Each structure stands twice: as structure tokens, then as C-alpha cells.
PDB file of all heavy atoms in Angstrom:
ATOM      1  N   VAL A   1       2.782   3.411 -27.425  1.00  0.00           N
ATOM      2  CA  VAL A   1       3.568   2.387 -28.137  1.00  0.00           C
ATOM      3  C   VAL A   1       4.738   1.907 -27.279  1.00  0.00           C
ATOM      4  O   VAL A   1       5.041   0.710 -27.232  1.00  0.00           O
ATOM      5  CB  VAL A   1       4.081   2.927 -29.484  1.00  0.00           C
ATOM      6  CG1 VAL A   1       5.054   1.951 -30.126  1.00  0.00           C
ATOM      7  CG2 VAL A   1       2.929   3.178 -30.434  1.00  0.00           C
ATOM      8  N   LYS A   2       5.371   2.839 -26.585  1.00  0.00           N
ATOM      9  CA  LYS A   2       6.499   2.461 -25.724  1.00  0.00           C
ATOM     10  C   LYS A   2       6.041   1.505 -24.637  1.00  0.00           C
ATOM     11  O   LYS A   2       6.707   0.504 -24.341  1.00  0.00           O
ATOM     12  CB  LYS A   2       7.139   3.703 -25.104  1.00  0.00           C
ATOM     13  CG  LYS A   2       8.391   3.395 -24.289  1.00  0.00           C
ATOM     14  CD  LYS A   2       9.058   4.672 -23.805  1.00  0.00           C
ATOM     15  CE  LYS A   2      10.323   4.354 -23.011  1.00  0.00           C
ATOM     16  NZ  LYS A   2      10.981   5.595 -22.524  1.00  0.00           N
ATOM     17  N   ALA A   3       4.888   1.776 -24.031  1.00  0.00           N
ATOM     18  CA  ALA A   3       4.369   0.891 -22.988  1.00  0.00           C
ATOM     19  C   ALA A   3       4.036  -0.483 -23.557  1.00  0.00           C
ATOM     20  O   ALA A   3       4.315  -1.513 -22.926  1.00  0.00           O
ATOM     21  CB  ALA A   3       3.131   1.515 -22.341  1.00  0.00           C
ATOM     22  N   ILE A   4       3.443  -0.503 -24.748  1.00  0.00           N
ATOM     23  CA  ILE A   4       3.129  -1.790 -25.386  1.00  0.00           C
ATOM     24  C   ILE A   4       4.411  -2.548 -25.695  1.00  0.00           C
ATOM     25  O   ILE A   4       4.506  -3.760 -25.453  1.00  0.00           O
ATOM     26  CB  ILE A   4       2.282  -1.560 -26.656  1.00  0.00           C
ATOM     27  CG1 ILE A   4       0.876  -1.070 -26.283  1.00  0.00           C
ATOM     28  CG2 ILE A   4       2.196  -2.842 -27.490  1.00  0.00           C
ATOM     29  CD1 ILE A   4       0.021  -0.650 -27.477  1.00  0.00           C
ATOM     30  N   ALA A   5       5.410  -1.849 -26.225  1.00  0.00           N
ATOM     31  CA  ALA A   5       6.686  -2.488 -26.562  1.00  0.00           C
ATOM     32  C   ALA A   5       7.376  -3.051 -25.316  1.00  0.00           C
ATOM     33  O   ALA A   5       8.052  -4.088 -25.381  1.00  0.00           O
ATOM     34  CB  ALA A   5       7.600  -1.488 -27.263  1.00  0.00           C
ATOM     35  N   ASN A   6       7.190  -2.375 -24.179  1.00  0.00           N
ATOM     36  CA  ASN A   6       7.782  -2.836 -22.915  1.00  0.00           C
ATOM     37  C   ASN A   6       6.925  -3.904 -22.243  1.00  0.00           C
ATOM     38  O   ASN A   6       7.251  -4.362 -21.149  1.00  0.00           O
ATOM     39  CB  ASN A   6       7.972  -1.662 -21.961  1.00  0.00           C
ATOM     40  CG  ASN A   6       9.080  -0.717 -22.401  1.00  0.00           C
ATOM     41  OD1 ASN A   6       9.967  -1.106 -23.155  1.00  0.00           O
ATOM     42  ND2 ASN A   6       9.016   0.523 -21.957  1.00  0.00           N
ATOM     43  N   ARG A   7       5.807  -4.265 -22.884  1.00  0.00           N
ATOM     44  CA  ARG A   7       4.871  -5.275 -22.362  1.00  0.00           C
ATOM     45  C   ARG A   7       4.309  -4.856 -21.002  1.00  0.00           C
ATOM     46  O   ARG A   7       4.002  -5.707 -20.158  1.00  0.00           O
ATOM     47  CB  ARG A   7       5.553  -6.643 -22.250  1.00  0.00           C
ATOM     48  CG  ARG A   7       6.186  -7.152 -23.533  1.00  0.00           C
ATOM     49  CD  ARG A   7       5.142  -7.376 -24.615  1.00  0.00           C
ATOM     50  NE  ARG A   7       5.724  -7.913 -25.853  1.00  0.00           N
ATOM     51  CZ  ARG A   7       5.026  -8.188 -26.944  1.00  0.00           C
ATOM     52  NH1 ARG A   7       3.714  -7.983 -26.957  1.00  0.00           N
ATOM     53  NH2 ARG A   7       5.606  -8.666 -28.020  1.00  0.00           N
ATOM     54  N   ASP A   8       4.173  -3.547 -20.818  1.00  0.00           N
ATOM     55  CA  ASP A   8       3.610  -3.008 -19.577  1.00  0.00           C
ATOM     56  C   ASP A   8       2.121  -2.780 -19.790  1.00  0.00           C
ATOM     57  O   ASP A   8       1.681  -1.695 -20.182  1.00  0.00           O
ATOM     58  CB  ASP A   8       4.319  -1.699 -19.202  1.00  0.00           C
ATOM     59  CG  ASP A   8       3.960  -1.219 -17.802  1.00  0.00           C
ATOM     60  OD1 ASP A   8       2.851  -1.551 -17.325  1.00  0.00           O
ATOM     61  OD2 ASP A   8       4.775  -0.495 -17.194  1.00  0.00           O
ATOM     62  N   ALA A   9       1.329  -3.816 -19.560  1.00  0.00           N
ATOM     63  CA  ALA A   9      -0.098  -3.782 -19.867  1.00  0.00           C
ATOM     64  C   ALA A   9      -0.836  -2.740 -19.040  1.00  0.00           C
ATOM     65  O   ALA A   9      -1.710  -2.027 -19.548  1.00  0.00           O
ATOM     66  CB  ALA A   9      -0.711  -5.164 -19.635  1.00  0.00           C
ATOM     67  N   GLU A  10      -0.489  -2.627 -17.765  1.00  0.00           N
ATOM     68  CA  GLU A  10      -1.173  -1.677 -16.890  1.00  0.00           C
ATOM     69  C   GLU A  10      -0.927  -0.244 -17.344  1.00  0.00           C
ATOM     70  O   GLU A  10      -1.856   0.575 -17.410  1.00  0.00           O
ATOM     71  CB  GLU A  10      -0.704  -1.866 -15.448  1.00  0.00           C
ATOM     72  CG  GLU A  10      -1.434  -0.987 -14.453  1.00  0.00           C
ATOM     73  CD  GLU A  10      -1.041  -1.275 -13.017  1.00  0.00           C
ATOM     74  OE1 GLU A  10      -0.303  -2.257 -12.775  1.00  0.00           O
ATOM     75  OE2 GLU A  10      -1.477  -0.524 -12.130  1.00  0.00           O
ATOM     76  N   LEU A  11       0.315   0.068 -17.670  1.00  0.00           N
ATOM     77  CA  LEU A  11       0.642   1.426 -18.126  1.00  0.00           C
ATOM     78  C   LEU A  11      -0.004   1.715 -19.477  1.00  0.00           C
ATOM     79  O   LEU A  11      -0.518   2.817 -19.704  1.00  0.00           O
ATOM     80  CB  LEU A  11       2.156   1.601 -18.221  1.00  0.00           C
ATOM     81  CG  LEU A  11       2.640   2.983 -18.672  1.00  0.00           C
ATOM     82  CD1 LEU A  11       2.156   4.076 -17.727  1.00  0.00           C
ATOM     83  CD2 LEU A  11       4.172   2.996 -18.793  1.00  0.00           C
ATOM     84  N   ALA A  12       0.016   0.738 -20.380  1.00  0.00           N
ATOM     85  CA  ALA A  12      -0.589   0.931 -21.699  1.00  0.00           C
ATOM     86  C   ALA A  12      -2.065   1.271 -21.565  1.00  0.00           C
ATOM     87  O   ALA A  12      -2.573   2.175 -22.243  1.00  0.00           O
ATOM     88  CB  ALA A  12      -0.407  -0.323 -22.555  1.00  0.00           C
ATOM     89  N   GLU A  13      -2.764   0.566 -20.681  1.00  0.00           N
ATOM     90  CA  GLU A  13      -4.185   0.847 -20.478  1.00  0.00           C
ATOM     91  C   GLU A  13      -4.391   2.243 -19.895  1.00  0.00           C
ATOM     92  O   GLU A  13      -5.261   2.996 -20.362  1.00  0.00           O
ATOM     93  CB  GLU A  13      -4.817  -0.188 -19.550  1.00  0.00           C
ATOM     94  CG  GLU A  13      -6.287   0.109 -19.283  1.00  0.00           C
ATOM     95  CD  GLU A  13      -7.002  -0.979 -18.504  1.00  0.00           C
ATOM     96  OE1 GLU A  13      -6.333  -1.931 -18.024  1.00  0.00           O
ATOM     97  OE2 GLU A  13      -8.243  -0.880 -18.375  1.00  0.00           O
ATOM     98  N   MET A  14      -3.606   2.603 -18.906  1.00  0.00           N
ATOM     99  CA  MET A  14      -3.750   3.914 -18.278  1.00  0.00           C
ATOM    100  C   MET A  14      -3.501   5.041 -19.263  1.00  0.00           C
ATOM    101  O   MET A  14      -4.252   6.019 -19.330  1.00  0.00           O
ATOM    102  CB  MET A  14      -2.787   4.049 -17.104  1.00  0.00           C
ATOM    103  CG  MET A  14      -2.945   5.354 -16.328  1.00  0.00           C
ATOM    104  SD  MET A  14      -1.573   5.678 -15.203  1.00  0.00           S
ATOM    105  CE  MET A  14      -0.296   6.202 -16.363  1.00  0.00           C
ATOM    106  N   LEU A  15      -2.452   4.892 -20.080  1.00  0.00           N
ATOM    107  CA  LEU A  15      -2.112   5.933 -21.054  1.00  0.00           C
ATOM    108  C   LEU A  15      -3.179   6.056 -22.135  1.00  0.00           C
ATOM    109  O   LEU A  15      -3.504   7.158 -22.579  1.00  0.00           O
ATOM    110  CB  LEU A  15      -0.750   5.637 -21.684  1.00  0.00           C
ATOM    111  CG  LEU A  15       0.466   5.781 -20.766  1.00  0.00           C
ATOM    112  CD1 LEU A  15       1.727   5.314 -21.476  1.00  0.00           C
ATOM    113  CD2 LEU A  15       0.638   7.221 -20.290  1.00  0.00           C
ATOM    114  N   MET A  16      -3.733   4.923 -22.564  1.00  0.00           N
ATOM    115  CA  MET A  16      -4.779   4.975 -23.582  1.00  0.00           C
ATOM    116  C   MET A  16      -6.040   5.630 -23.032  1.00  0.00           C
ATOM    117  O   MET A  16      -6.656   6.469 -23.701  1.00  0.00           O
ATOM    118  CB  MET A  16      -5.096   3.566 -24.089  1.00  0.00           C
ATOM    119  CG  MET A  16      -6.185   3.534 -25.171  1.00  0.00           C
ATOM    120  SD  MET A  16      -5.740   4.438 -26.676  1.00  0.00           S
ATOM    121  CE  MET A  16      -4.759   3.168 -27.511  1.00  0.00           C
ATOM    122  N   ARG A  17      -6.419   5.281 -21.815  1.00  0.00           N
ATOM    123  CA  ARG A  17      -7.612   5.879 -21.222  1.00  0.00           C
ATOM    124  C   ARG A  17      -7.439   7.389 -21.075  1.00  0.00           C
ATOM    125  O   ARG A  17      -8.354   8.165 -21.359  1.00  0.00           O
ATOM    126  CB  ARG A  17      -7.916   5.236 -19.869  1.00  0.00           C
ATOM    127  CG  ARG A  17      -8.367   3.778 -19.969  1.00  0.00           C
ATOM    128  CD  ARG A  17      -8.664   3.191 -18.595  1.00  0.00           C
ATOM    129  NE  ARG A  17      -9.878   3.787 -18.056  1.00  0.00           N
ATOM    130  CZ  ARG A  17     -10.999   3.108 -17.817  1.00  0.00           C
ATOM    131  NH1 ARG A  17     -11.070   1.809 -18.089  1.00  0.00           N
ATOM    132  NH2 ARG A  17     -12.053   3.705 -17.314  1.00  0.00           N
ATOM    133  N   ARG A  18      -6.257   7.804 -20.640  1.00  0.00           N
ATOM    134  CA  ARG A  18      -5.981   9.231 -20.484  1.00  0.00           C
ATOM    135  C   ARG A  18      -5.997   9.937 -21.837  1.00  0.00           C
ATOM    136  O   ARG A  18      -6.540  11.035 -21.974  1.00  0.00           O
ATOM    137  CB  ARG A  18      -4.622   9.411 -19.796  1.00  0.00           C
ATOM    138  CG  ARG A  18      -4.280  10.850 -19.464  1.00  0.00           C
ATOM    139  CD  ARG A  18      -2.916  10.929 -18.802  1.00  0.00           C
ATOM    140  NE  ARG A  18      -2.881  10.205 -17.530  1.00  0.00           N
ATOM    141  CZ  ARG A  18      -1.758   9.936 -16.866  1.00  0.00           C
ATOM    142  NH1 ARG A  18      -0.590  10.276 -17.384  1.00  0.00           N
ATOM    143  NH2 ARG A  18      -1.808   9.315 -15.721  1.00  0.00           N
ATOM    144  N   HIS A  19      -5.435   9.298 -22.860  1.00  0.00           N
ATOM    145  CA  HIS A  19      -5.393   9.858 -24.211  1.00  0.00           C
ATOM    146  C   HIS A  19      -6.808  10.089 -24.745  1.00  0.00           C
ATOM    147  O   HIS A  19      -7.108  11.141 -25.318  1.00  0.00           O
ATOM    148  CB  HIS A  19      -4.636   8.886 -25.119  1.00  0.00           C
ATOM    149  CG  HIS A  19      -4.736   9.164 -26.583  1.00  0.00           C
ATOM    150  ND1 HIS A  19      -4.238  10.309 -27.163  1.00  0.00           N
ATOM    151  CD2 HIS A  19      -5.286   8.440 -27.596  1.00  0.00           C
ATOM    152  CE1 HIS A  19      -4.478  10.280 -28.471  1.00  0.00           C
ATOM    153  NE2 HIS A  19      -5.113   9.162 -28.750  1.00  0.00           N
ATOM    154  N   ILE A  20      -7.684   9.131 -24.534  1.00  0.00           N
ATOM    155  CA  ILE A  20      -9.056   9.265 -25.024  1.00  0.00           C
ATOM    156  C   ILE A  20      -9.815  10.323 -24.229  1.00  0.00           C
ATOM    157  O   ILE A  20     -10.617  11.081 -24.790  1.00  0.00           O
ATOM    158  CB  ILE A  20      -9.761   7.899 -25.003  1.00  0.00           C
ATOM    159  CG1 ILE A  20      -9.141   7.000 -26.078  1.00  0.00           C
ATOM    160  CG2 ILE A  20     -11.264   8.033 -25.228  1.00  0.00           C
ATOM    161  CD1 ILE A  20      -9.530   5.560 -26.019  1.00  0.00           C
ATOM    162  N   LEU A  21      -9.554  10.421 -22.931  1.00  0.00           N
ATOM    163  CA  LEU A  21     -10.163  11.477 -22.121  1.00  0.00           C
ATOM    164  C   LEU A  21      -9.761  12.857 -22.631  1.00  0.00           C
ATOM    165  O   LEU A  21     -10.600  13.755 -22.771  1.00  0.00           O
ATOM    166  CB  LEU A  21      -9.754  11.313 -20.659  1.00  0.00           C
ATOM    167  CG  LEU A  21     -10.234  12.407 -19.700  1.00  0.00           C
ATOM    168  CD1 LEU A  21     -11.751  12.444 -19.625  1.00  0.00           C
ATOM    169  CD2 LEU A  21      -9.631  12.196 -18.310  1.00  0.00           C
ATOM    170  N   TYR A  22      -8.472  13.035 -22.935  1.00  0.00           N
ATOM    171  CA  TYR A  22      -8.002  14.322 -23.450  1.00  0.00           C
ATOM    172  C   TYR A  22      -8.640  14.635 -24.803  1.00  0.00           C
ATOM    173  O   TYR A  22      -8.998  15.778 -25.079  1.00  0.00           O
ATOM    174  CB  TYR A  22      -6.477  14.313 -23.599  1.00  0.00           C
ATOM    175  CG  TYR A  22      -5.712  14.250 -22.304  1.00  0.00           C
ATOM    176  CD1 TYR A  22      -4.379  13.838 -22.278  1.00  0.00           C
ATOM    177  CD2 TYR A  22      -6.304  14.600 -21.098  1.00  0.00           C
ATOM    178  CE1 TYR A  22      -3.664  13.778 -21.090  1.00  0.00           C
ATOM    179  CE2 TYR A  22      -5.595  14.528 -19.901  1.00  0.00           C
ATOM    180  CZ  TYR A  22      -4.274  14.117 -19.908  1.00  0.00           C
ATOM    181  OH  TYR A  22      -3.576  14.054 -18.738  1.00  0.00           O
ATOM    182  N   SER A  23      -8.789  13.608 -25.634  1.00  0.00           N
ATOM    183  CA  SER A  23      -9.417  13.797 -26.944  1.00  0.00           C
ATOM    184  C   SER A  23     -10.877  14.211 -26.788  1.00  0.00           C
ATOM    185  O   SER A  23     -11.371  15.089 -27.509  1.00  0.00           O
ATOM    186  CB  SER A  23      -9.324  12.518 -27.773  1.00  0.00           C
ATOM    187  OG  SER A  23      -7.981  12.192 -28.061  1.00  0.00           O
ATOM    188  N   LYS A  24     -11.557  13.572 -25.846  1.00  0.00           N
ATOM    189  CA  LYS A  24     -12.954  13.927 -25.574  1.00  0.00           C
ATOM    190  C   LYS A  24     -13.066  15.374 -25.121  1.00  0.00           C
ATOM    191  O   LYS A  24     -13.928  16.129 -25.589  1.00  0.00           O
ATOM    192  CB  LYS A  24     -13.530  12.995 -24.513  1.00  0.00           C
ATOM    193  CG  LYS A  24     -15.028  13.171 -24.264  1.00  0.00           C
ATOM    194  CD  LYS A  24     -15.328  14.096 -23.109  1.00  0.00           C
ATOM    195  CE  LYS A  24     -14.914  13.493 -21.782  1.00  0.00           C
ATOM    196  NZ  LYS A  24     -15.210  14.389 -20.642  1.00  0.00           N
ATOM    197  N   ASN A  25     -12.177  15.796 -24.221  1.00  0.00           N
ATOM    198  CA  ASN A  25     -12.196  17.172 -23.724  1.00  0.00           C
ATOM    199  C   ASN A  25     -11.970  18.180 -24.862  1.00  0.00           C
ATOM    200  O   ASN A  25     -12.594  19.244 -24.907  1.00  0.00           O
ATOM    201  CB  ASN A  25     -11.161  17.369 -22.641  1.00  0.00           C
ATOM    202  CG  ASN A  25     -11.495  16.629 -21.359  1.00  0.00           C
ATOM    203  OD1 ASN A  25     -12.636  16.222 -21.153  1.00  0.00           O
ATOM    204  ND2 ASN A  25     -10.502  16.404 -20.510  1.00  0.00           N
ATOM    205  N   ASN A  26     -11.084  17.806 -25.798  1.00  0.00           N
ATOM    206  CA  ASN A  26     -10.779  18.679 -26.926  1.00  0.00           C
ATOM    207  C   ASN A  26     -12.004  18.875 -27.813  1.00  0.00           C
ATOM    208  O   ASN A  26     -12.320  19.995 -28.242  1.00  0.00           O
ATOM    209  CB  ASN A  26      -9.632  18.079 -27.744  1.00  0.00           C
ATOM    210  CG  ASN A  26      -9.307  18.887 -28.993  1.00  0.00           C
ATOM    211  OD1 ASN A  26      -8.846  20.018 -28.899  1.00  0.00           O
ATOM    212  ND2 ASN A  26      -9.550  18.314 -30.145  1.00  0.00           N
ATOM    213  N   ILE A  27     -12.716  17.789 -28.080  1.00  0.00           N
ATOM    214  CA  ILE A  27     -13.914  17.868 -28.918  1.00  0.00           C
ATOM    215  C   ILE A  27     -15.058  18.571 -28.168  1.00  0.00           C
ATOM    216  O   ILE A  27     -15.796  19.353 -28.751  1.00  0.00           O
ATOM    217  CB  ILE A  27     -14.357  16.466 -29.363  1.00  0.00           C
ATOM    218  CG1 ILE A  27     -13.295  15.848 -30.288  1.00  0.00           C
ATOM    219  CG2 ILE A  27     -15.699  16.497 -30.076  1.00  0.00           C
ATOM    220  CD1 ILE A  27     -13.540  14.389 -30.644  1.00  0.00           C
ATOM    221  N   GLN A  28     -15.145  18.298 -26.889  1.00  0.00           N
ATOM    222  CA  GLN A  28     -16.240  18.844 -26.079  1.00  0.00           C
ATOM    223  C   GLN A  28     -16.254  20.360 -26.105  1.00  0.00           C
ATOM    224  O   GLN A  28     -17.311  20.983 -26.142  1.00  0.00           O
ATOM    225  CB  GLN A  28     -16.113  18.331 -24.647  1.00  0.00           C
ATOM    226  CG  GLN A  28     -17.349  18.497 -23.798  1.00  0.00           C
ATOM    227  CD  GLN A  28     -17.225  17.724 -22.501  1.00  0.00           C
ATOM    228  OE1 GLN A  28     -16.151  17.608 -21.924  1.00  0.00           O
ATOM    229  NE2 GLN A  28     -18.329  17.153 -22.055  1.00  0.00           N
TER     230      GLN A  28
END
């Protein structure tokens, strides 16, 4: 949310991809 609020599109994408990877690892 902080990255989105700062309009930092590149960081927002990187953080979301990392977040989903961590979630996948948790379920796996």
C-alpha cells in the first residue's frame, strides 16, 4: 500500500510478486 500511495509502480509490482511467492511457499 505504501508503494502504491507513493506511486512507485516498479516497487509495488516487486513487492506484490514477492508477497505471492511467500504465500505460495507457505501453502506448499
